Amino acid sequence: MEIKQTDDGKKGYFKAIESGLEAGIMTYTWAGETKFIIDHTVVAPLFEGKGIGKKLVMAAVYFARQKHLKIMPLCTYTKSVFDKNAEELKDVLF
């Protein structure tokens, strides 16, 4: 599986590609220069239950750590990942 990021400076997304198919997408919006809001995560029905959503969240976490950013998880799925992994992810949580 490959995860690609697209960003236009105001908003962006992480897209998971598996066997040439879009497996899932997670969208975000910038909130200033040092944080972004994850507002939506969706996984295609064919790929549900395979950890795609969490991989998308972790790609955003990796991006945030590399750029010294904070994440505000408004998406209910992303918020649940942050809640379940609070200790591991607290460094990027806004």
PDB file of N, CA and C in Angstrom:
ATOM      1  N   MET A   1       0.839  -1.181   0.000  1.00  0.00           N
ATOM      2  CA  MET A   1       0.000   0.000   0.000  1.00  0.00           C
ATOM      3  C   MET A   1       0.882   1.242   0.000  1.00  0.00           C
ATOM      4  N   GLU A   2       0.424   2.240  -0.719  1.00  0.00           N
ATOM      5  CA  GLU A   2       1.140   3.505  -0.812  1.00  0.00           C
ATOM      6  C   GLU A   2       0.229   4.612  -0.293  1.00  0.00           C
ATOM      7  N   ILE A   3       0.809   5.536   0.469  1.00  0.00           N
ATOM      8  CA  ILE A   3       0.051   6.694   0.933  1.00  0.00           C
ATOM      9  C   ILE A   3       0.670   7.930   0.306  1.00  0.00           C
ATOM     10  N   LYS A   4      -0.164   8.698  -0.385  1.00  0.00           N
ATOM     11  CA  LYS A   4       0.278   9.924  -1.051  1.00  0.00           C
ATOM     12  C   LYS A   4      -0.367  11.121  -0.368  1.00  0.00           C
ATOM     13  N   GLN A   5       0.404  12.191  -0.250  1.00  0.00           N
ATOM     14  CA  GLN A   5      -0.113  13.423   0.332  1.00  0.00           C
ATOM     15  C   GLN A   5      -0.194  14.497  -0.741  1.00  0.00           C
ATOM     16  N   THR A   6      -1.280  15.245  -0.706  1.00  0.00           N
ATOM     17  CA  THR A   6      -1.459  16.408  -1.565  1.00  0.00           C
ATOM     18  C   THR A   6      -1.811  17.581  -0.662  1.00  0.00           C
ATOM     19  N   ASP A   7      -1.190  18.742  -0.902  1.00  0.00           N
ATOM     20  CA  ASP A   7      -1.406  19.913  -0.054  1.00  0.00           C
ATOM     21  C   ASP A   7      -1.327  21.166  -0.923  1.00  0.00           C
ATOM     22  N   ASP A   8      -2.318  22.046  -0.794  1.00  0.00           N
ATOM     23  CA  ASP A   8      -2.298  23.279  -1.581  1.00  0.00           C
ATOM     24  C   ASP A   8      -1.998  24.518  -0.733  1.00  0.00           C
ATOM     25  N   GLY A   9      -1.598  24.310   0.523  1.00  0.00           N
ATOM     26  CA  GLY A   9      -1.290  25.425   1.406  1.00  0.00           C
ATOM     27  C   GLY A   9      -2.446  25.870   2.277  1.00  0.00           C
ATOM     28  N   LYS A  10      -3.671  25.497   1.897  1.00  0.00           N
ATOM     29  CA  LYS A  10      -4.861  25.804   2.685  1.00  0.00           C
ATOM     30  C   LYS A  10      -5.513  24.534   3.210  1.00  0.00           C
ATOM     31  N   LYS A  11      -5.462  23.493   2.396  1.00  0.00           N
ATOM     32  CA  LYS A  11      -6.025  22.200   2.780  1.00  0.00           C
ATOM     33  C   LYS A  11      -5.278  21.106   2.028  1.00  0.00           C
ATOM     34  N   GLY A  12      -5.551  19.882   2.428  1.00  0.00           N
ATOM     35  CA  GLY A  12      -4.879  18.776   1.763  1.00  0.00           C
ATOM     36  C   GLY A  12      -5.504  17.453   2.144  1.00  0.00           C
ATOM     37  N   TYR A  13      -4.852  16.393   1.698  1.00  0.00           N
ATOM     38  CA  TYR A  13      -5.339  15.058   2.029  1.00  0.00           C
ATOM     39  C   TYR A  13      -4.222  14.034   1.923  1.00  0.00           C
ATOM     40  N   PHE A  14      -4.442  12.931   2.631  1.00  0.00           N
ATOM     41  CA  PHE A  14      -3.615  11.743   2.519  1.00  0.00           C
ATOM     42  C   PHE A  14      -4.497  10.690   1.870  1.00  0.00           C
ATOM     43  N   LYS A  15      -3.994  10.065   0.816  1.00  0.00           N
ATOM     44  CA  LYS A  15      -4.770   9.064   0.092  1.00  0.00           C
ATOM     45  C   LYS A  15      -4.013   7.742   0.111  1.00  0.00           C
ATOM     46  N   ALA A  16      -4.717   6.665   0.478  1.00  0.00           N
ATOM     47  CA  ALA A  16      -4.134   5.325   0.475  1.00  0.00           C
ATOM     48  C   ALA A  16      -4.485   4.643  -0.842  1.00  0.00           C
ATOM     49  N   ILE A  17      -3.466   4.114  -1.510  1.00  0.00           N
ATOM     50  CA  ILE A  17      -3.645   3.419  -2.784  1.00  0.00           C
ATOM     51  C   ILE A  17      -3.192   1.971  -2.602  1.00  0.00           C
ATOM     52  N   GLU A  18      -4.058   1.042  -2.950  1.00  0.00           N
ATOM     53  CA  GLU A  18      -3.758  -0.389  -2.853  1.00  0.00           C
ATOM     54  C   GLU A  18      -4.123  -1.044  -4.173  1.00  0.00           C
ATOM     55  N   SER A  19      -3.157  -1.689  -4.796  1.00  0.00           N
ATOM     56  CA  SER A  19      -3.375  -2.375  -6.083  1.00  0.00           C
ATOM     57  C   SER A  19      -4.012  -1.445  -7.121  1.00  0.00           C
ATOM     58  N   GLY A  20      -3.595  -0.189  -7.118  1.00  0.00           N
ATOM     59  CA  GLY A  20      -4.108   0.780  -8.079  1.00  0.00           C
ATOM     60  C   GLY A  20      -5.463   1.369  -7.735  1.00  0.00           C
ATOM     61  N   LEU A  21      -6.035   0.962  -6.611  1.00  0.00           N
ATOM     62  CA  LEU A  21      -7.353   1.451  -6.197  1.00  0.00           C
ATOM     63  C   LEU A  21      -7.229   2.391  -5.007  1.00  0.00           C
ATOM     64  N   GLU A  22      -8.130   3.376  -4.948  1.00  0.00           N
ATOM     65  CA  GLU A  22      -8.167   4.256  -3.784  1.00  0.00           C
ATOM     66  C   GLU A  22      -8.791   3.495  -2.623  1.00  0.00           C
ATOM     67  N   ALA A  23      -7.973   3.211  -1.614  1.00  0.00           N
ATOM     68  CA  ALA A  23      -8.438   2.445  -0.458  1.00  0.00           C
ATOM     69  C   ALA A  23      -9.040   3.342   0.613  1.00  0.00           C
ATOM     70  N   GLY A  24      -8.566   4.574   0.704  1.00  0.00           N
ATOM     71  CA  GLY A  24      -9.078   5.490   1.710  1.00  0.00           C
ATOM     72  C   GLY A  24      -8.498   6.874   1.525  1.00  0.00           C
ATOM     73  N   ILE A  25      -9.136   7.831   2.178  1.00  0.00           N
ATOM     74  CA  ILE A  25      -8.666   9.215   2.110  1.00  0.00           C
ATOM     75  C   ILE A  25      -8.955   9.905   3.434  1.00  0.00           C
ATOM     76  N   MET A  26      -8.037  10.769   3.835  1.00  0.00           N
ATOM     77  CA  MET A  26      -8.200  11.562   5.043  1.00  0.00           C
ATOM     78  C   MET A  26      -7.915  13.008   4.668  1.00  0.00           C
ATOM     79  N   THR A  27      -8.858  13.899   4.923  1.00  0.00           N
ATOM     80  CA  THR A  27      -8.708  15.299   4.543  1.00  0.00           C
ATOM     81  C   THR A  27      -8.373  16.162   5.754  1.00  0.00           C
ATOM     82  N   TYR A  28      -7.678  17.259   5.479  1.00  0.00           N
ATOM     83  CA  TYR A  28      -7.334  18.194   6.545  1.00  0.00           C
ATOM     84  C   TYR A  28      -7.352  19.621   6.014  1.00  0.00           C
ATOM     85  N   THR A  29      -7.451  20.554   6.967  1.00  0.00           N
ATOM     86  CA  THR A  29      -7.443  21.977   6.671  1.00  0.00           C
ATOM     87  C   THR A  29      -6.412  22.634   7.579  1.00  0.00           C
ATOM     88  N   TRP A  30      -5.610  23.521   7.020  1.00  0.00           N
ATOM     89  CA  TRP A  30      -4.629  24.238   7.823  1.00  0.00           C
ATOM     90  C   TRP A  30      -5.333  25.219   8.754  1.00  0.00           C
ATOM     91  N   ALA A  31      -4.831  25.326   9.981  1.00  0.00           N
ATOM     92  CA  ALA A  31      -5.329  26.279  10.975  1.00  0.00           C
ATOM     93  C   ALA A  31      -4.119  27.085  11.442  1.00  0.00           C
ATOM     94  N   GLY A  32      -3.690  28.016  10.626  1.00  0.00           N
ATOM     95  CA  GLY A  32      -2.458  28.748  10.900  1.00  0.00           C
ATOM     96  C   GLY A  32      -1.275  28.021  10.277  1.00  0.00           C
ATOM     97  N   GLU A  33      -0.082  28.388  10.710  1.00  0.00           N
ATOM     98  CA  GLU A  33       1.127  27.810  10.120  1.00  0.00           C
ATOM     99  C   GLU A  33       1.652  26.600  10.872  1.00  0.00           C
ATOM    100  N   THR A  34       1.170  26.377  12.098  1.00  0.00           N
ATOM    101  CA  THR A  34       1.760  25.310  12.913  1.00  0.00           C
ATOM    102  C   THR A  34       0.794  24.190  13.280  1.00  0.00           C
ATOM    103  N   LYS A  35      -0.427  24.250  12.776  1.00  0.00           N
ATOM    104  CA  LYS A  35      -1.358  23.154  13.079  1.00  0.00           C
ATOM    105  C   LYS A  35      -2.332  22.941  11.927  1.00  0.00           C
ATOM    106  N   PHE A  36      -2.866  21.722  11.892  1.00  0.00           N
ATOM    107  CA  PHE A  36      -3.889  21.412  10.903  1.00  0.00           C
ATOM    108  C   PHE A  36      -4.976  20.576  11.548  1.00  0.00           C
ATOM    109  N   ILE A  37      -6.165  20.682  10.970  1.00  0.00           N
ATOM    110  CA  ILE A  37      -7.359  20.013  11.486  1.00  0.00           C
ATOM    111  C   ILE A  37      -7.690  18.848  10.569  1.00  0.00           C
ATOM    112  N   ILE A  38      -7.712  17.645  11.130  1.00  0.00           N
ATOM    113  CA  ILE A  38      -8.164  16.488  10.355  1.00  0.00           C
ATOM    114  C   ILE A  38      -9.680  16.467  10.474  1.00  0.00           C
ATOM    115  N   ASP A  39     -10.361  16.639   9.335  1.00  0.00           N
ATOM    116  CA  ASP A  39     -11.814  16.782   9.376  1.00  0.00           C
ATOM    117  C   ASP A  39     -12.595  15.609   8.808  1.00  0.00           C
ATOM    118  N   HIS A  40     -11.935  14.694   8.113  1.00  0.00           N
ATOM    119  CA  HIS A  40     -12.701  13.582   7.538  1.00  0.00           C
ATOM    120  C   HIS A  40     -11.766  12.427   7.183  1.00  0.00           C
ATOM    121  N   THR A  41     -12.200  11.231   7.510  1.00  0.00           N
ATOM    122  CA  THR A  41     -11.479  10.015   7.117  1.00  0.00           C
ATOM    123  C   THR A  41     -12.506   9.023   6.605  1.00  0.00           C
ATOM    124  N   VAL A  42     -12.244   8.450   5.441  1.00  0.00           N
ATOM    125  CA  VAL A  42     -13.155   7.445   4.890  1.00  0.00           C
ATOM    126  C   VAL A  42     -12.324   6.347   4.233  1.00  0.00           C
ATOM    127  N   VAL A  43     -12.768   5.114   4.436  1.00  0.00           N
ATOM    128  CA  VAL A  43     -12.128   3.945   3.827  1.00  0.00           C
ATOM    129  C   VAL A  43     -13.148   3.292   2.901  1.00  0.00           C
ATOM    130  N   ALA A  44     -12.706   2.929   1.707  1.00  0.00           N
ATOM    131  CA  ALA A  44     -13.590   2.262   0.744  1.00  0.00           C
ATOM    132  C   ALA A  44     -14.066   0.930   1.321  1.00  0.00           C
ATOM    133  N   PRO A  45     -15.336   0.564   1.088  1.00  0.00           N
ATOM    134  CA  PRO A  45     -15.887  -0.673   1.651  1.00  0.00           C
ATOM    135  C   PRO A  45     -15.029  -1.915   1.394  1.00  0.00           C
ATOM    136  N   LEU A  46     -14.423  -2.011   0.239  1.00  0.00           N
ATOM    137  CA  LEU A  46     -13.586  -3.158  -0.102  1.00  0.00           C
ATOM    138  C   LEU A  46     -12.387  -3.304   0.834  1.00  0.00           C
ATOM    139  N   PHE A  47     -11.973  -2.199   1.456  1.00  0.00           N
ATOM    140  CA  PHE A  47     -10.766  -2.196   2.282  1.00  0.00           C
ATOM    141  C   PHE A  47     -11.045  -2.026   3.775  1.00  0.00           C
ATOM    142  N   GLU A  48     -12.306  -2.019   4.175  1.00  0.00           N
ATOM    143  CA  GLU A  48     -12.640  -1.854   5.591  1.00  0.00           C
ATOM    144  C   GLU A  48     -12.085  -3.010   6.415  1.00  0.00           C
ATOM    145  N   GLY A  49     -11.682  -2.676   7.646  1.00  0.00           N
ATOM    146  CA  GLY A  49     -11.183  -3.694   8.564  1.00  0.00           C
ATOM    147  C   GLY A  49      -9.744  -4.111   8.320  1.00  0.00           C
ATOM    148  N   LYS A  50      -9.029  -3.378   7.480  1.00  0.00           N
ATOM    149  CA  LYS A  50      -7.644  -3.731   7.154  1.00  0.00           C
ATOM    150  C   LYS A  50      -6.635  -2.723   7.709  1.00  0.00           C
ATOM    151  N   GLY A  51      -7.095  -1.837   8.575  1.00  0.00           N
ATOM    152  CA  GLY A  51      -6.189  -0.877   9.196  1.00  0.00           C
ATOM    153  C   GLY A  51      -5.820   0.316   8.336  1.00  0.00           C
ATOM    154  N   ILE A  52      -6.543   0.522   7.245  1.00  0.00           N
ATOM    155  CA  ILE A  52      -6.232   1.626   6.332  1.00  0.00           C
ATOM    156  C   ILE A  52      -6.424   2.976   7.031  1.00  0.00           C
ATOM    157  N   GLY A  53      -7.518   3.133   7.753  1.00  0.00           N
ATOM    158  CA  GLY A  53      -7.785   4.395   8.443  1.00  0.00           C
ATOM    159  C   GLY A  53      -6.667   4.760   9.404  1.00  0.00           C
ATOM    160  N   LYS A  54      -6.214   3.790  10.187  1.00  0.00           N
ATOM    161  CA  LYS A  54      -5.137   4.068  11.143  1.00  0.00           C
ATOM    162  C   LYS A  54      -3.847   4.405  10.407  1.00  0.00           C
ATOM    163  N   LYS A  55      -3.582   3.747   9.292  1.00  0.00           N
ATOM    164  CA  LYS A  55      -2.373   4.060   8.519  1.00  0.00           C
ATOM    165  C   LYS A  55      -2.422   5.489   7.989  1.00  0.00           C
ATOM    166  N   LEU A  56      -3.590   5.945   7.606  1.00  0.00           N
ATOM    167  CA  LEU A  56      -3.741   7.334   7.166  1.00  0.00           C
ATOM    168  C   LEU A  56      -3.463   8.300   8.320  1.00  0.00           C
ATOM    169  N   VAL A  57      -4.024   7.998   9.490  1.00  0.00           N
ATOM    170  CA  VAL A  57      -3.785   8.844  10.664  1.00  0.00           C
ATOM    171  C   VAL A  57      -2.292   8.874  10.990  1.00  0.00           C
ATOM    172  N   MET A  58      -1.653   7.716  10.961  1.00  0.00           N
ATOM    173  CA  MET A  58      -0.236   7.659  11.305  1.00  0.00           C
ATOM    174  C   MET A  58       0.632   8.373  10.267  1.00  0.00           C
ATOM    175  N   ALA A  59       0.192   8.412   9.017  1.00  0.00           N
ATOM    176  CA  ALA A  59       0.912   9.184   7.997  1.00  0.00           C
ATOM    177  C   ALA A  59       0.848  10.671   8.340  1.00  0.00           C
ATOM    178  N   ALA A  60      -0.310  11.128   8.808  1.00  0.00           N
ATOM    179  CA  ALA A  60      -0.457  12.526   9.221  1.00  0.00           C
ATOM    180  C   ALA A  60       0.404  12.816  10.450  1.00  0.00           C
ATOM    181  N   VAL A  61       0.456  11.875  11.375  1.00  0.00           N
ATOM    182  CA  VAL A  61       1.287  12.029  12.574  1.00  0.00           C
ATOM    183  C   VAL A  61       2.763  12.130  12.179  1.00  0.00           C
ATOM    184  N   TYR A  62       3.204  11.272  11.285  1.00  0.00           N
ATOM    185  CA  TYR A  62       4.590  11.307  10.814  1.00  0.00           C
ATOM    186  C   TYR A  62       4.895  12.671  10.174  1.00  0.00           C
ATOM    187  N   PHE A  63       3.990  13.140   9.328  1.00  0.00           N
ATOM    188  CA  PHE A  63       4.136  14.446   8.686  1.00  0.00           C
ATOM    189  C   PHE A  63       4.246  15.547   9.743  1.00  0.00           C
ATOM    190  N   ALA A  64       3.362  15.516  10.738  1.00  0.00           N
ATOM    191  CA  ALA A  64       3.365  16.528  11.796  1.00  0.00           C
ATOM    192  C   ALA A  64       4.680  16.503  12.571  1.00  0.00           C
ATOM    193  N   ARG A  65       5.167  15.329  12.883  1.00  0.00           N
ATOM    194  CA  ARG A  65       6.429  15.230  13.625  1.00  0.00           C
ATOM    195  C   ARG A  65       7.600  15.758  12.801  1.00  0.00           C
ATOM    196  N   GLN A  66       7.631  15.427  11.531  1.00  0.00           N
ATOM    197  CA  GLN A  66       8.725  15.880  10.665  1.00  0.00           C
ATOM    198  C   GLN A  66       8.755  17.401  10.532  1.00  0.00           C
ATOM    199  N   LYS A  67       7.578  18.020  10.537  1.00  0.00           N
ATOM    200  CA  LYS A  67       7.467  19.471  10.326  1.00  0.00           C
ATOM    201  C   LYS A  67       7.239  20.245  11.627  1.00  0.00           C
ATOM    202  N   HIS A  68       7.245  19.549  12.783  1.00  0.00           N
ATOM    203  CA  HIS A  68       7.016  20.171  14.096  1.00  0.00           C
ATOM    204  C   HIS A  68       5.663  20.881  14.141  1.00  0.00           C
ATOM    205  N   LEU A  69       4.624  20.145  13.750  1.00  0.00           N
ATOM    206  CA  LEU A  69       3.264  20.670  13.702  1.00  0.00           C
ATOM    207  C   LEU A  69       2.389  20.002  14.752  1.00  0.00           C
ATOM    208  N   LYS A  70       1.222  20.563  14.967  1.00  0.00           N
ATOM    209  CA  LYS A  70       0.215  19.982  15.858  1.00  0.00           C
ATOM    210  C   LYS A  70      -1.018  19.616  15.040  1.00  0.00           C
ATOM    211  N   ILE A  71      -1.730  18.611  15.523  1.00  0.00           N
ATOM    212  CA  ILE A  71      -2.939  18.120  14.860  1.00  0.00           C
ATOM    213  C   ILE A  71      -4.142  18.317  15.773  1.00  0.00           C
ATOM    214  N   MET A  72      -5.219  18.830  15.201  1.00  0.00           N
ATOM    215  CA  MET A  72      -6.500  18.905  15.895  1.00  0.00           C
ATOM    216  C   MET A  72      -7.417  17.874  15.230  1.00  0.00           C
ATOM    217  N   PRO A  73      -7.696  16.755  15.909  1.00  0.00           N
ATOM    218  CA  PRO A  73      -8.504  15.690  15.303  1.00  0.00           C
ATOM    219  C   PRO A  73     -10.006  15.911  15.489  1.00  0.00           C
ATOM    220  N   LEU A  74     -10.652  16.578  14.548  1.00  0.00           N
ATOM    221  CA  LEU A  74     -12.100  16.785  14.635  1.00  0.00           C
ATOM    222  C   LEU A  74     -12.887  15.610  14.073  1.00  0.00           C
ATOM    223  N   CYS A  75     -12.320  14.905  13.130  1.00  0.00           N
ATOM    224  CA  CYS A  75     -12.950  13.701  12.578  1.00  0.00           C
ATOM    225  C   CYS A  75     -13.123  12.685  13.706  1.00  0.00           C
ATOM    226  N   THR A  76     -14.297  12.088  13.815  1.00  0.00           N
ATOM    227  CA  THR A  76     -14.560  11.162  14.922  1.00  0.00           C
ATOM    228  C   THR A  76     -13.634   9.948  14.895  1.00  0.00           C
ATOM    229  N   TYR A  77     -13.330   9.440  13.713  1.00  0.00           N
ATOM    230  CA  TYR A  77     -12.428   8.285  13.642  1.00  0.00           C
ATOM    231  C   TYR A  77     -11.026   8.677  14.121  1.00  0.00           C
ATOM    232  N   THR A  78     -10.516   9.788  13.611  1.00  0.00           N
ATOM    233  CA  THR A  78      -9.178  10.229  13.997  1.00  0.00           C
ATOM    234  C   THR A  78      -9.124  10.530  15.485  1.00  0.00           C
ATOM    235  N   LYS A  79     -10.172  11.156  16.012  1.00  0.00           N
ATOM    236  CA  LYS A  79     -10.218  11.434  17.450  1.00  0.00           C
ATOM    237  C   LYS A  79     -10.151  10.138  18.238  1.00  0.00           C
ATOM    238  N   SER A  80     -10.833   9.087  17.782  1.00  0.00           N
ATOM    239  CA  SER A  80     -10.798   7.813  18.502  1.00  0.00           C
ATOM    240  C   SER A  80      -9.398   7.196  18.469  1.00  0.00           C
ATOM    241  N   VAL A  81      -8.681   7.351  17.359  1.00  0.00           N
ATOM    242  CA  VAL A  81      -7.298   6.849  17.290  1.00  0.00           C
ATOM    243  C   VAL A  81      -6.429   7.610  18.284  1.00  0.00           C
ATOM    244  N   PHE A  82      -6.586   8.928  18.354  1.00  0.00           N
ATOM    245  CA  PHE A  82      -5.820   9.719  19.311  1.00  0.00           C
ATOM    246  C   PHE A  82      -6.181   9.338  20.744  1.00  0.00           C
ATOM    247  N   ASP A  83      -7.459   9.111  21.023  1.00  0.00           N
ATOM    248  CA  ASP A  83      -7.880   8.731  22.371  1.00  0.00           C
ATOM    249  C   ASP A  83      -7.296   7.379  22.779  1.00  0.00           C
ATOM    250  N   LYS A  84      -7.292   6.422  21.866  1.00  0.00           N
ATOM    251  CA  LYS A  84      -6.792   5.073  22.165  1.00  0.00           C
ATOM    252  C   LYS A  84      -5.273   5.018  22.272  1.00  0.00           C
ATOM    253  N   ASN A  85      -4.598   5.989  21.683  1.00  0.00           N
ATOM    254  CA  ASN A  85      -3.132   6.015  21.661  1.00  0.00           C
ATOM    255  C   ASN A  85      -2.611   7.333  22.231  1.00  0.00           C
ATOM    256  N   ALA A  86      -3.256   7.792  23.298  1.00  0.00           N
ATOM    257  CA  ALA A  86      -2.986   9.123  23.843  1.00  0.00           C
ATOM    258  C   ALA A  86      -1.515   9.341  24.190  1.00  0.00           C
ATOM    259  N   GLU A  87      -0.901   8.390  24.855  1.00  0.00           N
ATOM    260  CA  GLU A  87       0.492   8.555  25.276  1.00  0.00           C
ATOM    261  C   GLU A  87       1.432   8.650  24.074  1.00  0.00           C
ATOM    262  N   GLU A  88       1.215   7.800  23.108  1.00  0.00           N
ATOM    263  CA  GLU A  88       2.071   7.740  21.917  1.00  0.00           C
ATOM    264  C   GLU A  88       1.926   8.975  21.017  1.00  0.00           C
ATOM    265  N   LEU A  89       0.736   9.577  21.023  1.00  0.00           N
ATOM    266  CA  LEU A  89       0.457  10.664  20.083  1.00  0.00           C
ATOM    267  C   LEU A  89       0.375  12.048  20.721  1.00  0.00           C
ATOM    268  N   LYS A  90       0.597  12.136  22.025  1.00  0.00           N
ATOM    269  CA  LYS A  90       0.402  13.413  22.716  1.00  0.00           C
ATOM    270  C   LYS A  90       1.317  14.526  22.209  1.00  0.00           C
ATOM    271  N   ASP A  91       2.461  14.166  21.620  1.00  0.00           N
ATOM    272  CA  ASP A  91       3.394  15.194  21.157  1.00  0.00           C
ATOM    273  C   ASP A  91       2.868  15.992  19.965  1.00  0.00           C
ATOM    274  N   VAL A  92       1.925  15.438  19.216  1.00  0.00           N
ATOM    275  CA  VAL A  92       1.386  16.157  18.054  1.00  0.00           C
ATOM    276  C   VAL A  92      -0.052  16.638  18.262  1.00  0.00           C
ATOM    277  N   LEU A  93      -0.648  16.310  19.393  1.00  0.00           N
ATOM    278  CA  LEU A  93      -2.041  16.687  19.661  1.00  0.00           C
ATOM    279  C   LEU A  93      -2.134  18.152  20.052  1.00  0.00           C
ATOM    280  N   PHE A  94      -3.061  18.868  19.418  1.00  0.00           N
ATOM    281  CA  PHE A  94      -3.308  20.267  19.773  1.00  0.00           C
ATOM    282  C   PHE A  94      -4.486  20.315  20.713  1.00  0.00           C
TER     283      PHE A  94
END
